Every structure is written in C-alpha cells, then in structure tokens.
Amino acid sequence: MAPALPLVLDSTHLPLAELSAARLDGDLRALAGAYCSVDVHPSAALRGAALAPLVPDGLIVERMSAAWLHGATPRFPRPVQLCIRSSHRIRDVPSIDRQVRQVVLGDHEIMEAGPVRVTDPFRTAVDLVRCDPVFDRGVVLCVTTLLLTARASTVRCRAELRRVPHLPHKQRALRRLEEIDEVLRGPPR
C-alpha cells in the first residue's frame, strides 16, 4: 500500500512544480502558502495546518488572518497578522511575511485551530472594528460573520470596548459598530 499524503501539502511533500500542475489540473487548490485537495472541506483546523509554517512558536494568529482562519473571509491576507501576549517574552525575528504586535489577551480569547493558536471569533471581530485601517463593505461583512459565529451582538462589542478606559481607537470602533448594526438589521422593508 502506498503511503498516504497529508491533507495539507507543501514543497516538503511534493515538488512545487507538481503541486502547481495539480492545482492547474483542478486536483488541488491553494490554501495559504500550501495546497489541499479540492474535495476536502476547508475547516479552521485545516486552515491552521496550512498557516502553521508561517507562525513561529509562541505567536498567535489575529485580525484578518484570524478572520480567514475562522472562515469569515475568503481572501488570505498578506502579510500574516500575528500577536504576542504582553505577558510573554518572545524574541521574534522580523520578516516581511508577517506583522507582529504585542497585545493583552485573556486565556478565554484564544483557541486552537489545528496546530496554531488563534484569537476567538469575538476577539477577532473586536480587533477588526478597532484596528483595521480599512473598514469597507468586505470588512463589515467579515466582522458581521464573526459576530454571528460567536453568537455575539454589537451590544456585547460596545460593552467590551467600554470596559477598558484608555483603549486606542475606541471612538472609531464605536462608530463602526453602527455600520454593523445596519447590516444586521437588514434592508428596509
């Protein structure tokens, strides 16, 4: 019996030329910096496995990278957005492939997705409302999807934002939540 290949493939499993040819033939699809079979349903664990080579030990996937991992946006963001907990001391080697920032995170705001750690959908939504420089229709729909996934509301987001007295970009985030409310209300009847 031939050995089975893993669900997520990269150039350590097959030459890049073979992977690219299989993608062009319709057998594989691109997934972050890797490939997977077209008949494998993408999940957070599968996306996490594809993202793992880009995430150094001790770092946590966040913001739009976390939204992609949770399935809230189809577009894989470059560079990968990662964070380090403020209570940890990790030496990160700078790279153009990733953005890293230091943040305050509670244990309840982090979850596992395959081999990587990622901010949970609610924390990801709050971070995007606060920190994303562009807040176009795509980001609005992404945040809405994350809130629905987390079974959370904009009321809970506002409470979370108001909980921290001197939170950067708080007022901008509160204004942006009004746009989310409009999407959740739906079109006028």
N, C-alpha and C. Protein backbone atom coordinates (compact mmCIF):
# COMPACT_ATOMS: atom_id res chain seq x y z
N MET A 1 0.85 -1.18 0.00
CA MET A 1 0.00 0.00 0.00
C MET A 1 0.90 1.24 0.00
N ALA A 2 0.58 2.19 -0.86
CA ALA A 2 1.35 3.43 -0.95
C ALA A 2 1.09 4.30 0.27
N PRO A 3 2.12 5.03 0.73
CA PRO A 3 1.89 5.90 1.90
C PRO A 3 0.92 7.03 1.54
N ALA A 4 0.09 7.37 2.49
CA ALA A 4 -0.90 8.43 2.29
C ALA A 4 -0.25 9.79 2.49
N LEU A 5 -0.68 10.75 1.68
CA LEU A 5 -0.21 12.12 1.83
C LEU A 5 -1.07 12.84 2.86
N PRO A 6 -0.53 13.84 3.54
CA PRO A 6 -1.34 14.61 4.48
C PRO A 6 -2.39 15.46 3.74
N LEU A 7 -3.36 15.98 4.46
CA LEU A 7 -4.41 16.80 3.85
C LEU A 7 -3.85 18.12 3.33
N VAL A 8 -2.86 18.67 4.02
CA VAL A 8 -2.24 19.93 3.60
C VAL A 8 -0.86 19.60 3.04
N LEU A 9 -0.64 20.02 1.80
CA LEU A 9 0.61 19.73 1.11
C LEU A 9 1.40 21.00 0.85
N ASP A 10 2.72 20.87 0.92
CA ASP A 10 3.60 21.97 0.52
C ASP A 10 4.84 21.37 -0.12
N SER A 11 5.84 22.19 -0.35
CA SER A 11 7.01 21.71 -1.09
C SER A 11 7.87 20.72 -0.29
N THR A 12 7.55 20.48 0.97
CA THR A 12 8.25 19.43 1.71
C THR A 12 7.67 18.06 1.39
N HIS A 13 6.47 18.03 0.81
CA HIS A 13 5.82 16.76 0.46
C HIS A 13 5.98 16.41 -1.02
N LEU A 14 5.82 17.40 -1.86
CA LEU A 14 5.95 17.22 -3.32
C LEU A 14 6.65 18.44 -3.89
N PRO A 15 7.34 18.28 -5.02
CA PRO A 15 7.98 19.46 -5.64
C PRO A 15 6.93 20.51 -6.00
N LEU A 16 7.32 21.77 -5.91
CA LEU A 16 6.41 22.88 -6.20
C LEU A 16 5.82 22.77 -7.60
N ALA A 17 6.61 22.29 -8.56
CA ALA A 17 6.11 22.14 -9.93
C ALA A 17 4.94 21.15 -9.98
N GLU A 18 5.04 20.04 -9.24
CA GLU A 18 3.94 19.06 -9.21
C GLU A 18 2.71 19.64 -8.52
N LEU A 19 2.92 20.36 -7.43
CA LEU A 19 1.80 20.98 -6.73
C LEU A 19 1.10 22.00 -7.63
N SER A 20 1.86 22.81 -8.32
CA SER A 20 1.29 23.81 -9.21
C SER A 20 0.55 23.15 -10.37
N ALA A 21 1.12 22.09 -10.92
CA ALA A 21 0.46 21.37 -12.02
C ALA A 21 -0.85 20.75 -11.55
N ALA A 22 -0.86 20.17 -10.36
CA ALA A 22 -2.09 19.59 -9.82
C ALA A 22 -3.14 20.65 -9.57
N ARG A 23 -2.71 21.85 -9.17
CA ARG A 23 -3.66 22.95 -8.99
C ARG A 23 -4.23 23.37 -10.34
N LEU A 24 -3.39 23.49 -11.35
CA LEU A 24 -3.85 23.85 -12.69
C LEU A 24 -4.78 22.78 -13.28
N ASP A 25 -4.53 21.51 -12.93
CA ASP A 25 -5.39 20.41 -13.40
C ASP A 25 -6.71 20.34 -12.66
N GLY A 26 -6.84 21.11 -11.57
CA GLY A 26 -8.07 21.11 -10.79
C GLY A 26 -8.11 20.07 -9.70
N ASP A 27 -6.98 19.42 -9.40
CA ASP A 27 -6.94 18.42 -8.33
C ASP A 27 -6.67 19.03 -6.96
N LEU A 28 -5.93 20.13 -6.94
CA LEU A 28 -5.59 20.82 -5.69
C LEU A 28 -6.04 22.26 -5.77
N ARG A 29 -6.20 22.87 -4.60
CA ARG A 29 -6.45 24.32 -4.54
C ARG A 29 -5.46 24.93 -3.56
N ALA A 30 -5.16 26.19 -3.79
CA ALA A 30 -4.23 26.91 -2.91
C ALA A 30 -4.91 27.16 -1.57
N LEU A 31 -4.14 27.04 -0.52
CA LEU A 31 -4.64 27.27 0.84
C LEU A 31 -3.49 27.89 1.62
N ALA A 32 -3.55 29.22 1.80
CA ALA A 32 -2.44 29.98 2.41
C ALA A 32 -1.20 29.73 1.57
N GLY A 33 -0.12 29.30 2.15
CA GLY A 33 1.09 29.01 1.40
C GLY A 33 1.21 27.56 1.01
N ALA A 34 0.11 26.82 1.12
CA ALA A 34 0.13 25.39 0.86
C ALA A 34 -0.98 25.03 -0.13
N TYR A 35 -1.27 23.74 -0.22
CA TYR A 35 -2.31 23.23 -1.12
C TYR A 35 -3.10 22.15 -0.40
N CYS A 36 -4.35 21.97 -0.82
CA CYS A 36 -5.15 20.85 -0.33
C CYS A 36 -6.02 20.34 -1.48
N SER A 37 -6.53 19.15 -1.33
CA SER A 37 -7.39 18.56 -2.35
C SER A 37 -8.66 19.38 -2.50
N VAL A 38 -9.19 19.44 -3.71
CA VAL A 38 -10.41 20.23 -3.94
C VAL A 38 -11.62 19.60 -3.26
N ASP A 39 -11.56 18.31 -2.94
CA ASP A 39 -12.72 17.67 -2.31
C ASP A 39 -12.65 17.64 -0.78
N VAL A 40 -11.65 18.29 -0.20
CA VAL A 40 -11.54 18.40 1.26
C VAL A 40 -12.23 19.68 1.69
N HIS A 41 -13.18 19.55 2.61
CA HIS A 41 -13.90 20.73 3.11
C HIS A 41 -12.96 21.56 3.98
N PRO A 42 -12.79 22.86 3.64
CA PRO A 42 -11.90 23.69 4.47
C PRO A 42 -12.51 23.95 5.84
N SER A 43 -11.71 23.73 6.86
CA SER A 43 -12.13 23.97 8.24
C SER A 43 -11.06 24.83 8.90
N ALA A 44 -11.37 25.30 10.10
CA ALA A 44 -10.38 26.09 10.84
C ALA A 44 -9.12 25.26 11.10
N ALA A 45 -9.29 23.98 11.41
CA ALA A 45 -8.13 23.13 11.67
C ALA A 45 -7.28 22.95 10.42
N LEU A 46 -7.93 22.80 9.26
CA LEU A 46 -7.20 22.65 8.00
C LEU A 46 -6.47 23.95 7.64
N ARG A 47 -7.17 25.08 7.80
CA ARG A 47 -6.53 26.37 7.53
C ARG A 47 -5.37 26.60 8.50
N GLY A 48 -5.56 26.20 9.75
CA GLY A 48 -4.48 26.32 10.74
C GLY A 48 -3.26 25.50 10.36
N ALA A 49 -3.49 24.30 9.83
CA ALA A 49 -2.38 23.45 9.39
C ALA A 49 -1.65 24.10 8.22
N ALA A 50 -2.40 24.73 7.32
CA ALA A 50 -1.77 25.40 6.18
C ALA A 50 -0.98 26.63 6.62
N LEU A 51 -1.46 27.29 7.65
CA LEU A 51 -0.84 28.52 8.15
C LEU A 51 0.34 28.24 9.08
N ALA A 52 0.39 27.06 9.67
CA ALA A 52 1.39 26.73 10.69
C ALA A 52 2.84 27.04 10.31
N PRO A 53 3.29 26.75 9.08
CA PRO A 53 4.69 27.07 8.77
C PRO A 53 5.01 28.57 8.81
N LEU A 54 3.98 29.41 8.74
CA LEU A 54 4.18 30.85 8.76
C LEU A 54 4.07 31.46 10.16
N VAL A 55 3.75 30.61 11.15
CA VAL A 55 3.52 31.09 12.52
C VAL A 55 4.59 30.54 13.46
N PRO A 56 5.57 31.37 13.85
CA PRO A 56 6.59 30.91 14.79
C PRO A 56 5.99 30.52 16.14
N ASP A 57 6.68 29.66 16.85
CA ASP A 57 6.24 29.22 18.17
C ASP A 57 5.98 30.42 19.09
N GLY A 58 4.89 30.36 19.83
CA GLY A 58 4.57 31.40 20.81
C GLY A 58 3.73 32.53 20.25
N LEU A 59 3.59 32.62 18.92
CA LEU A 59 2.78 33.68 18.33
C LEU A 59 1.35 33.20 18.09
N ILE A 60 0.43 34.15 18.06
CA ILE A 60 -0.99 33.86 17.93
C ILE A 60 -1.53 34.55 16.68
N VAL A 61 -2.30 33.84 15.89
CA VAL A 61 -2.90 34.41 14.68
C VAL A 61 -4.01 35.37 15.11
N GLU A 62 -4.05 36.55 14.48
CA GLU A 62 -5.04 37.55 14.87
C GLU A 62 -5.55 38.34 13.67
N ARG A 63 -6.47 39.25 13.92
CA ARG A 63 -7.09 40.18 12.98
C ARG A 63 -7.53 39.49 11.68
N MET A 64 -7.16 40.01 10.50
CA MET A 64 -7.68 39.45 9.25
C MET A 64 -7.18 38.03 9.01
N SER A 65 -6.00 37.70 9.50
CA SER A 65 -5.51 36.32 9.37
C SER A 65 -6.40 35.38 10.19
N ALA A 66 -6.80 35.81 11.37
CA ALA A 66 -7.71 35.01 12.19
C ALA A 66 -9.09 34.93 11.54
N ALA A 67 -9.54 36.03 10.95
CA ALA A 67 -10.84 36.02 10.26
C ALA A 67 -10.82 35.01 9.12
N TRP A 68 -9.72 34.97 8.36
CA TRP A 68 -9.58 33.98 7.29
C TRP A 68 -9.59 32.57 7.87
N LEU A 69 -8.84 32.36 8.96
CA LEU A 69 -8.77 31.05 9.57
C LEU A 69 -10.15 30.58 10.06
N HIS A 70 -10.96 31.52 10.57
CA HIS A 70 -12.31 31.18 11.04
C HIS A 70 -13.31 31.04 9.89
N GLY A 71 -12.88 31.36 8.67
CA GLY A 71 -13.76 31.22 7.51
C GLY A 71 -14.66 32.42 7.28
N ALA A 72 -14.35 33.56 7.91
CA ALA A 72 -15.19 34.75 7.78
C ALA A 72 -14.86 35.57 6.55
N THR A 73 -13.73 35.29 5.91
CA THR A 73 -13.35 35.97 4.68
C THR A 73 -12.64 34.97 3.78
N PRO A 74 -12.91 35.01 2.49
CA PRO A 74 -12.24 34.06 1.59
C PRO A 74 -10.82 34.48 1.21
N ARG A 75 -10.51 35.73 1.42
CA ARG A 75 -9.22 36.28 0.98
C ARG A 75 -8.14 36.06 2.05
N PHE A 76 -7.09 35.35 1.66
CA PHE A 76 -5.97 35.13 2.58
C PHE A 76 -5.13 36.39 2.64
N PRO A 77 -4.99 37.00 3.82
CA PRO A 77 -4.26 38.27 3.93
C PRO A 77 -2.75 38.08 3.94
N ARG A 78 -2.09 38.96 3.26
CA ARG A 78 -0.63 39.03 3.29
C ARG A 78 -0.26 40.43 3.70
N PRO A 79 0.66 40.65 4.57
CA PRO A 79 1.36 39.66 5.38
C PRO A 79 0.44 39.07 6.45
N VAL A 80 0.88 37.94 6.99
CA VAL A 80 0.13 37.27 8.05
C VAL A 80 0.18 38.15 9.30
N GLN A 81 -0.98 38.31 9.95
CA GLN A 81 -1.07 39.15 11.15
C GLN A 81 -1.04 38.27 12.40
N LEU A 82 -0.04 38.51 13.23
CA LEU A 82 0.18 37.72 14.43
C LEU A 82 0.36 38.64 15.63
N CYS A 83 0.23 38.05 16.81
CA CYS A 83 0.46 38.84 18.03
C CYS A 83 1.19 38.01 19.06
N ILE A 84 1.79 38.73 19.99
CA ILE A 84 2.45 38.15 21.16
C ILE A 84 1.71 38.67 22.38
N ARG A 85 1.39 37.79 23.30
CA ARG A 85 0.74 38.24 24.54
C ARG A 85 1.71 39.14 25.30
N SER A 86 1.17 40.20 25.87
CA SER A 86 2.01 41.17 26.59
C SER A 86 2.70 40.55 27.80
N SER A 87 2.16 39.46 28.31
CA SER A 87 2.76 38.81 29.47
C SER A 87 3.88 37.84 29.08
N HIS A 88 4.10 37.63 27.80
CA HIS A 88 5.13 36.71 27.33
C HIS A 88 6.32 37.47 26.75
N ARG A 89 7.46 36.89 26.88
CA ARG A 89 8.67 37.46 26.30
C ARG A 89 9.17 36.50 25.24
N ILE A 90 8.91 36.84 24.00
CA ILE A 90 9.33 36.02 22.88
C ILE A 90 10.15 36.88 21.94
N ARG A 91 11.23 36.36 21.50
CA ARG A 91 12.07 37.09 20.55
C ARG A 91 11.61 36.68 19.16
N ASP A 92 11.11 37.64 18.40
CA ASP A 92 10.65 37.37 17.05
C ASP A 92 11.63 37.98 16.06
N VAL A 93 11.99 37.20 15.07
CA VAL A 93 12.86 37.69 14.01
C VAL A 93 11.97 38.41 12.99
N PRO A 94 12.22 39.69 12.73
CA PRO A 94 11.38 40.43 11.78
C PRO A 94 11.35 39.77 10.40
N SER A 95 10.20 39.84 9.76
CA SER A 95 10.02 39.25 8.45
C SER A 95 9.00 40.06 7.66
N ILE A 96 9.17 40.16 6.35
CA ILE A 96 8.18 40.86 5.52
C ILE A 96 6.93 40.01 5.34
N ASP A 97 6.99 38.73 5.73
CA ASP A 97 5.85 37.83 5.58
C ASP A 97 4.84 37.93 6.72
N ARG A 98 5.18 38.69 7.76
CA ARG A 98 4.25 38.77 8.90
C ARG A 98 4.36 40.12 9.61
N GLN A 99 3.22 40.52 10.20
CA GLN A 99 3.16 41.68 11.09
C GLN A 99 2.94 41.13 12.48
N VAL A 100 3.71 41.60 13.43
CA VAL A 100 3.58 41.12 14.81
C VAL A 100 3.42 42.32 15.72
N ARG A 101 2.45 42.23 16.62
CA ARG A 101 2.27 43.27 17.62
C ARG A 101 2.05 42.61 18.98
N GLN A 102 2.28 43.36 20.01
CA GLN A 102 2.11 42.86 21.37
C GLN A 102 0.75 43.32 21.89
N VAL A 103 -0.03 42.40 22.45
CA VAL A 103 -1.38 42.71 22.91
C VAL A 103 -1.66 42.06 24.26
N VAL A 104 -2.69 42.59 24.92
CA VAL A 104 -3.18 41.98 26.15
C VAL A 104 -4.30 41.01 25.76
N LEU A 105 -4.12 39.75 26.08
CA LEU A 105 -5.10 38.71 25.73
C LEU A 105 -5.39 37.85 26.95
N GLY A 106 -6.66 37.59 27.19
CA GLY A 106 -7.03 36.63 28.22
C GLY A 106 -7.05 35.22 27.65
N ASP A 107 -6.90 34.23 28.50
CA ASP A 107 -6.94 32.84 28.04
C ASP A 107 -8.24 32.52 27.31
N HIS A 108 -9.34 33.13 27.75
CA HIS A 108 -10.65 32.86 27.14
C HIS A 108 -10.77 33.44 25.72
N GLU A 109 -9.81 34.27 25.30
CA GLU A 109 -9.86 34.90 23.98
C GLU A 109 -9.02 34.15 22.94
N ILE A 110 -8.42 33.04 23.35
CA ILE A 110 -7.54 32.27 22.47
C ILE A 110 -8.10 30.85 22.33
N MET A 111 -8.02 30.33 21.10
CA MET A 111 -8.44 28.96 20.87
C MET A 111 -7.42 28.27 19.97
N GLU A 112 -7.54 26.96 19.86
CA GLU A 112 -6.67 26.18 18.99
C GLU A 112 -7.37 25.97 17.65
N ALA A 113 -6.61 26.05 16.57
CA ALA A 113 -7.11 25.73 15.23
C ALA A 113 -6.05 24.87 14.58
N GLY A 114 -6.19 23.56 14.71
CA GLY A 114 -5.13 22.68 14.24
C GLY A 114 -3.90 22.93 15.10
N PRO A 115 -2.74 23.12 14.48
CA PRO A 115 -1.51 23.29 15.26
C PRO A 115 -1.22 24.73 15.69
N VAL A 116 -2.09 25.68 15.37
CA VAL A 116 -1.82 27.08 15.73
C VAL A 116 -2.84 27.58 16.75
N ARG A 117 -2.45 28.64 17.45
CA ARG A 117 -3.37 29.33 18.35
C ARG A 117 -3.87 30.57 17.63
N VAL A 118 -5.13 30.91 17.88
CA VAL A 118 -5.78 32.00 17.16
C VAL A 118 -6.72 32.71 18.12
N THR A 119 -6.91 34.02 17.89
CA THR A 119 -7.92 34.73 18.68
C THR A 119 -9.29 34.18 18.32
N ASP A 120 -10.18 34.09 19.31
CA ASP A 120 -11.51 33.54 19.05
C ASP A 120 -12.32 34.51 18.17
N PRO A 121 -13.43 34.06 17.60
CA PRO A 121 -14.18 34.93 16.68
C PRO A 121 -14.60 36.27 17.28
N PHE A 122 -15.01 36.30 18.56
CA PHE A 122 -15.44 37.56 19.15
C PHE A 122 -14.27 38.53 19.29
N ARG A 123 -13.15 38.05 19.82
CA ARG A 123 -11.97 38.92 19.96
C ARG A 123 -11.50 39.41 18.59
N THR A 124 -11.55 38.53 17.60
CA THR A 124 -11.15 38.90 16.24
C THR A 124 -12.04 40.02 15.72
N ALA A 125 -13.35 39.91 15.94
CA ALA A 125 -14.29 40.95 15.49
C ALA A 125 -13.99 42.28 16.17
N VAL A 126 -13.76 42.26 17.47
CA VAL A 126 -13.47 43.49 18.21
C VAL A 126 -12.17 44.11 17.70
N ASP A 127 -11.15 43.29 17.47
CA ASP A 127 -9.87 43.81 16.96
C ASP A 127 -10.04 44.44 15.58
N LEU A 128 -10.82 43.82 14.72
CA LEU A 128 -11.01 44.38 13.38
C LEU A 128 -11.77 45.70 13.43
N VAL A 129 -12.78 45.78 14.28
CA VAL A 129 -13.53 47.03 14.40
C VAL A 129 -12.63 48.14 14.91
N ARG A 130 -11.73 47.82 15.81
CA ARG A 130 -10.82 48.83 16.37
C ARG A 130 -9.64 49.15 15.47
N CYS A 131 -8.99 48.14 14.94
CA CYS A 131 -7.64 48.33 14.40
C CYS A 131 -7.50 48.27 12.89
N ASP A 132 -8.45 47.73 12.19
CA ASP A 132 -8.26 47.60 10.75
C ASP A 132 -8.28 48.98 10.11
N PRO A 133 -7.24 49.34 9.34
CA PRO A 133 -7.20 50.69 8.77
C PRO A 133 -8.29 50.93 7.72
N VAL A 134 -8.69 49.87 7.04
CA VAL A 134 -9.75 49.97 6.04
C VAL A 134 -11.00 49.31 6.61
N PHE A 135 -12.11 49.99 6.51
CA PHE A 135 -13.35 49.41 7.01
C PHE A 135 -14.39 49.51 5.89
N ASP A 136 -14.12 48.76 4.82
CA ASP A 136 -15.02 48.76 3.67
C ASP A 136 -16.09 47.69 3.85
N ARG A 137 -16.91 47.53 2.84
CA ARG A 137 -18.03 46.58 2.91
C ARG A 137 -17.56 45.15 3.22
N GLY A 138 -16.40 44.77 2.64
CA GLY A 138 -15.86 43.43 2.89
C GLY A 138 -15.53 43.21 4.35
N VAL A 139 -14.92 44.20 5.00
CA VAL A 139 -14.57 44.08 6.42
C VAL A 139 -15.84 44.10 7.27
N VAL A 140 -16.82 44.93 6.88
CA VAL A 140 -18.09 44.97 7.61
C VAL A 140 -18.75 43.59 7.58
N LEU A 141 -18.79 42.95 6.43
CA LEU A 141 -19.39 41.62 6.32
C LEU A 141 -18.57 40.58 7.07
N CYS A 142 -17.26 40.73 7.05
CA CYS A 142 -16.38 39.82 7.79
C CYS A 142 -16.65 39.92 9.30
N VAL A 143 -16.72 41.14 9.82
CA VAL A 143 -16.99 41.33 11.25
C VAL A 143 -18.38 40.81 11.61
N THR A 144 -19.35 41.06 10.74
CA THR A 144 -20.71 40.56 10.98
C THR A 144 -20.70 39.04 11.06
N THR A 145 -19.98 38.39 10.15
CA THR A 145 -19.89 36.92 10.16
C THR A 145 -19.24 36.43 11.44
N LEU A 146 -18.18 37.10 11.88
CA LEU A 146 -17.52 36.70 13.12
C LEU A 146 -18.44 36.84 14.32
N LEU A 147 -19.21 37.94 14.37
CA LEU A 147 -20.15 38.12 15.49
C LEU A 147 -21.23 37.05 15.48
N LEU A 148 -21.73 36.71 14.31
CA LEU A 148 -22.74 35.65 14.22
C LEU A 148 -22.15 34.31 14.63
N THR A 149 -20.90 34.05 14.23
CA THR A 149 -20.22 32.80 14.62
C THR A 149 -20.07 32.73 16.13
N ALA A 150 -19.74 33.86 16.74
CA ALA A 150 -19.53 33.91 18.20
C ALA A 150 -20.85 34.02 18.96
N ARG A 151 -21.96 34.12 18.23
CA ARG A 151 -23.28 34.33 18.84
C ARG A 151 -23.24 35.57 19.75
N ALA A 152 -22.61 36.61 19.21
CA ALA A 152 -22.44 37.86 19.96
C ALA A 152 -23.16 38.98 19.22
N SER A 153 -23.34 40.07 19.90
CA SER A 153 -24.03 41.22 19.32
C SER A 153 -23.12 42.45 19.38
N THR A 154 -23.56 43.49 18.71
CA THR A 154 -22.82 44.76 18.80
C THR A 154 -22.95 45.34 20.20
N VAL A 155 -23.99 44.99 20.92
CA VAL A 155 -24.13 45.44 22.31
C VAL A 155 -22.98 44.87 23.15
N ARG A 156 -22.69 43.61 22.94
CA ARG A 156 -21.57 42.98 23.68
C ARG A 156 -20.25 43.62 23.26
N CYS A 157 -20.10 43.94 21.97
CA CYS A 157 -18.88 44.62 21.50
C CYS A 157 -18.71 45.96 22.18
N ARG A 158 -19.80 46.73 22.24
CA ARG A 158 -19.73 48.04 22.89
C ARG A 158 -19.34 47.89 24.36
N ALA A 159 -19.91 46.92 25.02
CA ALA A 159 -19.58 46.69 26.43
C ALA A 159 -18.10 46.32 26.59
N GLU A 160 -17.58 45.51 25.68
CA GLU A 160 -16.17 45.13 25.73
C GLU A 160 -15.27 46.33 25.50
N LEU A 161 -15.64 47.19 24.54
CA LEU A 161 -14.84 48.38 24.26
C LEU A 161 -14.87 49.36 25.43
N ARG A 162 -16.00 49.50 26.08
CA ARG A 162 -16.13 50.45 27.20
C ARG A 162 -15.50 49.92 28.49
N ARG A 163 -15.24 48.62 28.54
CA ARG A 163 -14.67 48.00 29.73
C ARG A 163 -13.25 48.51 29.99
N VAL A 164 -12.52 48.83 28.92
CA VAL A 164 -11.13 49.30 29.06
C VAL A 164 -11.13 50.82 28.91
N PRO A 165 -10.71 51.56 29.93
CA PRO A 165 -10.82 53.02 29.92
C PRO A 165 -10.04 53.73 28.81
N HIS A 166 -8.80 53.38 28.59
CA HIS A 166 -7.97 54.12 27.63
C HIS A 166 -7.59 53.24 26.45
N LEU A 167 -8.55 52.66 25.81
CA LEU A 167 -8.33 51.75 24.69
C LEU A 167 -8.11 52.54 23.40
N PRO A 168 -7.00 52.32 22.70
CA PRO A 168 -6.78 53.03 21.44
C PRO A 168 -7.88 52.72 20.41
N HIS A 169 -8.27 53.72 19.66
CA HIS A 169 -9.26 53.61 18.57
C HIS A 169 -10.67 53.22 19.04
N LYS A 170 -10.97 53.49 20.30
CA LYS A 170 -12.28 53.13 20.85
C LYS A 170 -13.41 53.89 20.16
N GLN A 171 -13.27 55.20 20.01
CA GLN A 171 -14.35 56.00 19.41
C GLN A 171 -14.59 55.60 17.95
N ARG A 172 -13.51 55.34 17.21
CA ARG A 172 -13.65 54.87 15.83
C ARG A 172 -14.40 53.54 15.80
N ALA A 173 -14.07 52.66 16.72
CA ALA A 173 -14.74 51.36 16.78
C ALA A 173 -16.22 51.50 17.09
N LEU A 174 -16.57 52.39 18.00
CA LEU A 174 -17.98 52.58 18.35
C LEU A 174 -18.77 53.12 17.14
N ARG A 175 -18.15 54.00 16.36
CA ARG A 175 -18.81 54.49 15.12
C ARG A 175 -18.97 53.36 14.11
N ARG A 176 -17.96 52.54 13.99
CA ARG A 176 -18.01 51.44 13.03
C ARG A 176 -19.08 50.41 13.39
N LEU A 177 -19.33 50.25 14.67
CA LEU A 177 -20.36 49.30 15.10
C LEU A 177 -21.75 49.72 14.60
N GLU A 178 -21.95 51.00 14.38
CA GLU A 178 -23.22 51.46 13.81
C GLU A 178 -23.42 50.89 12.40
N GLU A 179 -22.35 50.79 11.62
CA GLU A 179 -22.43 50.17 10.29
C GLU A 179 -22.79 48.70 10.40
N ILE A 180 -22.22 48.03 11.39
CA ILE A 180 -22.53 46.61 11.62
C ILE A 180 -24.00 46.46 11.98
N ASP A 181 -24.52 47.35 12.83
CA ASP A 181 -25.94 47.32 13.19
C ASP A 181 -26.84 47.40 11.96
N GLU A 182 -26.47 48.26 11.00
CA GLU A 182 -27.26 48.40 9.78
C GLU A 182 -27.29 47.10 8.99
N VAL A 183 -26.17 46.41 8.91
CA VAL A 183 -26.11 45.13 8.19
C VAL A 183 -26.96 44.09 8.90
N LEU A 184 -26.87 44.04 10.23
CA LEU A 184 -27.62 43.04 11.00
C LEU A 184 -29.13 43.31 10.96
N ARG A 185 -29.51 44.58 10.85
CA ARG A 185 -30.95 44.90 10.74
C ARG A 185 -31.51 44.47 9.39
N GLY A 186 -30.66 44.49 8.36
CA GLY A 186 -31.09 44.11 7.03
C GLY A 186 -31.68 45.28 6.29
N PRO A 187 -32.08 45.06 5.03
CA PRO A 187 -32.63 46.15 4.22
C PRO A 187 -33.99 46.59 4.74
N PRO A 188 -34.33 47.87 4.55
CA PRO A 188 -35.64 48.35 4.99
C PRO A 188 -36.74 47.67 4.20
N ARG A 189 -37.87 47.46 4.87
CA ARG A 189 -38.99 46.75 4.21
C ARG A 189 -40.03 47.70 3.71
